[in-house]
């Protein structure tokens, strides 16, 4: 039996109010999948110039001088 058939077998036994919730969840999953498929693949270097480090990044913090 496929997953769809198993879901259908269980769904037939549920009351209509619960089946409506299942339908809402299925629609949510369809929308979520559509959003994943619509994303463009990431390109190396696409964030160049957006991320930077301060010149004193490796210097000790003043808060830790006592330690």
N, C-alpha and C. Protein backbone atom coordinates (compact mmCIF):
# COMPACT_ATOMS: atom_id res chain seq x y z
N UNK A 1 0.84 -1.18 0.00
CA UNK A 1 0.00 0.00 0.00
C UNK A 1 0.89 1.25 0.00
N UNK A 2 0.54 2.23 -0.80
CA UNK A 2 1.32 3.47 -0.85
C UNK A 2 0.97 4.35 0.34
N UNK A 3 1.79 5.35 0.55
CA UNK A 3 1.51 6.30 1.64
C UNK A 3 0.17 6.99 1.43
N UNK A 4 -0.12 7.36 0.19
CA UNK A 4 -1.39 8.04 -0.09
C UNK A 4 -2.58 7.14 0.25
N UNK A 5 -2.46 5.87 -0.05
CA UNK A 5 -3.54 4.93 0.26
C UNK A 5 -3.70 4.76 1.77
N UNK A 6 -2.59 4.70 2.48
CA UNK A 6 -2.65 4.59 3.94
C UNK A 6 -3.30 5.83 4.56
N UNK A 7 -2.92 6.99 4.08
CA UNK A 7 -3.52 8.23 4.59
C UNK A 7 -5.02 8.23 4.31
N UNK A 8 -5.39 7.81 3.11
CA UNK A 8 -6.81 7.79 2.74
C UNK A 8 -7.59 6.83 3.64
N UNK A 9 -7.02 5.67 3.93
CA UNK A 9 -7.70 4.70 4.79
C UNK A 9 -7.95 5.29 6.18
N UNK A 10 -6.96 5.96 6.72
CA UNK A 10 -7.12 6.60 8.03
C UNK A 10 -8.10 7.77 7.96
N UNK A 11 -8.02 8.52 6.89
CA UNK A 11 -8.86 9.70 6.73
C UNK A 11 -10.34 9.34 6.65
N UNK A 12 -10.65 8.22 6.02
CA UNK A 12 -12.05 7.79 5.90
C UNK A 12 -12.68 7.52 7.26
N UNK A 13 -11.87 7.20 8.26
CA UNK A 13 -12.39 6.85 9.58
C UNK A 13 -12.55 8.06 10.49
N UNK A 14 -12.06 9.20 10.06
CA UNK A 14 -12.10 10.39 10.91
C UNK A 14 -13.42 11.14 10.74
N UNK A 15 -13.84 11.84 11.80
CA UNK A 15 -15.02 12.72 11.66
C UNK A 15 -14.70 13.88 10.70
N UNK A 16 -15.73 14.47 10.13
CA UNK A 16 -15.54 15.54 9.15
C UNK A 16 -14.74 16.72 9.69
N UNK A 17 -14.95 17.07 10.95
CA UNK A 17 -14.22 18.22 11.52
C UNK A 17 -12.72 17.94 11.56
N UNK A 18 -12.35 16.72 11.90
CA UNK A 18 -10.92 16.37 11.95
C UNK A 18 -10.38 16.23 10.53
N UNK A 19 -11.17 15.69 9.62
CA UNK A 19 -10.75 15.56 8.23
C UNK A 19 -10.49 16.94 7.62
N UNK A 20 -11.27 17.94 8.03
CA UNK A 20 -11.04 19.31 7.55
C UNK A 20 -9.69 19.83 8.02
N UNK A 21 -9.31 19.49 9.25
CA UNK A 21 -8.00 19.89 9.76
C UNK A 21 -6.89 19.20 8.97
N UNK A 22 -7.10 17.94 8.63
CA UNK A 22 -6.12 17.21 7.83
C UNK A 22 -5.97 17.88 6.47
N UNK A 23 -7.08 18.26 5.88
CA UNK A 23 -7.04 18.95 4.58
C UNK A 23 -6.28 20.27 4.69
N UNK A 24 -6.51 21.02 5.74
CA UNK A 24 -5.77 22.27 5.96
C UNK A 24 -4.28 22.00 6.06
N UNK A 25 -3.92 20.94 6.77
CA UNK A 25 -2.51 20.60 6.94
C UNK A 25 -1.89 20.18 5.61
N UNK A 26 -2.62 19.42 4.81
CA UNK A 26 -2.12 19.00 3.50
C UNK A 26 -1.89 20.23 2.62
N UNK A 27 -2.81 21.17 2.65
CA UNK A 27 -2.63 22.41 1.87
C UNK A 27 -1.43 23.20 2.36
N UNK A 28 -1.22 23.22 3.68
CA UNK A 28 -0.04 23.88 4.24
C UNK A 28 1.23 23.22 3.71
N UNK A 29 1.27 21.89 3.71
CA UNK A 29 2.45 21.18 3.22
C UNK A 29 2.68 21.43 1.74
N UNK A 30 1.61 21.51 0.96
CA UNK A 30 1.75 21.81 -0.47
C UNK A 30 2.35 23.20 -0.67
N UNK A 31 1.89 24.16 0.10
CA UNK A 31 2.41 25.52 0.00
C UNK A 31 3.87 25.58 0.42
N UNK A 32 4.19 24.86 1.48
CA UNK A 32 5.57 24.82 1.97
C UNK A 32 6.48 24.22 0.91
N UNK A 33 6.05 23.15 0.26
CA UNK A 33 6.84 22.52 -0.79
C UNK A 33 7.01 23.44 -1.98
N UNK A 34 5.97 24.17 -2.33
CA UNK A 34 6.05 25.11 -3.45
C UNK A 34 7.07 26.20 -3.15
N UNK A 35 7.12 26.66 -1.90
CA UNK A 35 8.09 27.69 -1.52
C UNK A 35 9.51 27.16 -1.61
N UNK A 36 9.73 25.91 -1.24
CA UNK A 36 11.07 25.32 -1.31
C UNK A 36 11.50 25.21 -2.77
N UNK A 37 10.61 24.78 -3.63
CA UNK A 37 10.94 24.62 -5.04
C UNK A 37 11.16 25.96 -5.73
N UNK A 38 10.54 27.02 -5.24
CA UNK A 38 10.64 28.34 -5.87
C UNK A 38 11.94 29.06 -5.53
N UNK A 39 12.64 28.60 -4.50
CA UNK A 39 13.88 29.27 -4.12
C UNK A 39 14.94 29.12 -5.20
N UNK A 40 15.68 30.17 -5.42
CA UNK A 40 16.78 30.11 -6.36
C UNK A 40 17.98 29.48 -5.67
N UNK A 41 18.78 28.72 -6.41
CA UNK A 41 19.98 28.14 -5.79
C UNK A 41 20.96 29.24 -5.39
N UNK A 42 21.63 29.02 -4.29
CA UNK A 42 22.60 30.02 -3.81
C UNK A 42 23.83 30.04 -4.72
N UNK A 43 24.36 31.22 -4.91
CA UNK A 43 25.54 31.39 -5.74
C UNK A 43 26.72 31.75 -4.86
N UNK A 44 27.87 31.10 -5.05
CA UNK A 44 29.05 31.45 -4.26
C UNK A 44 29.41 32.92 -4.47
N UNK A 45 29.70 33.60 -3.38
CA UNK A 45 30.11 34.99 -3.44
C UNK A 45 28.96 35.98 -3.49
N UNK A 46 27.74 35.51 -3.37
CA UNK A 46 26.60 36.42 -3.49
C UNK A 46 26.49 37.38 -2.30
N UNK A 47 27.15 37.09 -1.19
CA UNK A 47 27.10 37.98 -0.02
C UNK A 47 28.37 38.82 0.10
N UNK A 48 29.19 38.80 -0.93
CA UNK A 48 30.45 39.55 -0.88
C UNK A 48 30.17 41.03 -0.64
N UNK A 49 30.86 41.60 0.33
CA UNK A 49 30.69 43.00 0.66
C UNK A 49 29.63 43.26 1.71
N UNK A 50 28.83 42.25 2.05
CA UNK A 50 27.79 42.42 3.05
C UNK A 50 28.26 42.03 4.45
N UNK A 51 29.30 41.23 4.52
CA UNK A 51 29.81 40.73 5.80
C UNK A 51 31.22 41.26 5.97
N UNK A 52 31.50 41.78 7.15
CA UNK A 52 32.84 42.31 7.41
C UNK A 52 33.24 42.03 8.84
N UNK A 53 34.55 42.09 9.10
CA UNK A 53 35.08 41.93 10.46
C UNK A 53 35.81 43.21 10.83
N UNK A 54 35.66 43.59 12.07
CA UNK A 54 36.37 44.77 12.56
C UNK A 54 37.87 44.49 12.54
N UNK A 55 38.66 45.54 12.38
CA UNK A 55 40.11 45.39 12.33
C UNK A 55 40.65 44.79 13.62
N UNK A 56 40.00 45.06 14.75
CA UNK A 56 40.47 44.55 16.04
C UNK A 56 39.70 43.30 16.47
N UNK A 57 39.23 42.52 15.53
CA UNK A 57 38.41 41.35 15.84
C UNK A 57 39.12 40.38 16.78
N UNK A 58 40.42 40.15 16.55
CA UNK A 58 41.17 39.19 17.36
C UNK A 58 41.69 39.77 18.67
N UNK A 59 41.53 41.05 18.89
CA UNK A 59 42.02 41.68 20.13
C UNK A 59 41.15 41.26 21.31
N UNK A 60 41.77 41.23 22.48
CA UNK A 60 41.03 40.87 23.69
C UNK A 60 39.98 41.94 24.00
N UNK A 61 38.87 41.50 24.52
CA UNK A 61 37.82 42.43 24.92
C UNK A 61 38.18 43.08 26.24
N UNK A 62 37.82 44.34 26.40
CA UNK A 62 38.10 45.05 27.64
C UNK A 62 37.43 44.37 28.83
N UNK A 63 36.31 43.75 28.62
CA UNK A 63 35.58 43.08 29.70
C UNK A 63 36.37 41.93 30.31
N UNK A 64 37.32 41.36 29.57
CA UNK A 64 38.05 40.20 30.05
C UNK A 64 39.48 40.52 30.50
N UNK A 65 39.84 41.78 30.61
CA UNK A 65 41.20 42.13 31.00
C UNK A 65 41.53 41.66 32.41
N UNK A 66 40.54 41.57 33.29
CA UNK A 66 40.80 41.15 34.67
C UNK A 66 41.05 39.65 34.78
N UNK A 67 40.79 38.89 33.76
CA UNK A 67 40.92 37.43 33.85
C UNK A 67 42.24 36.95 33.36
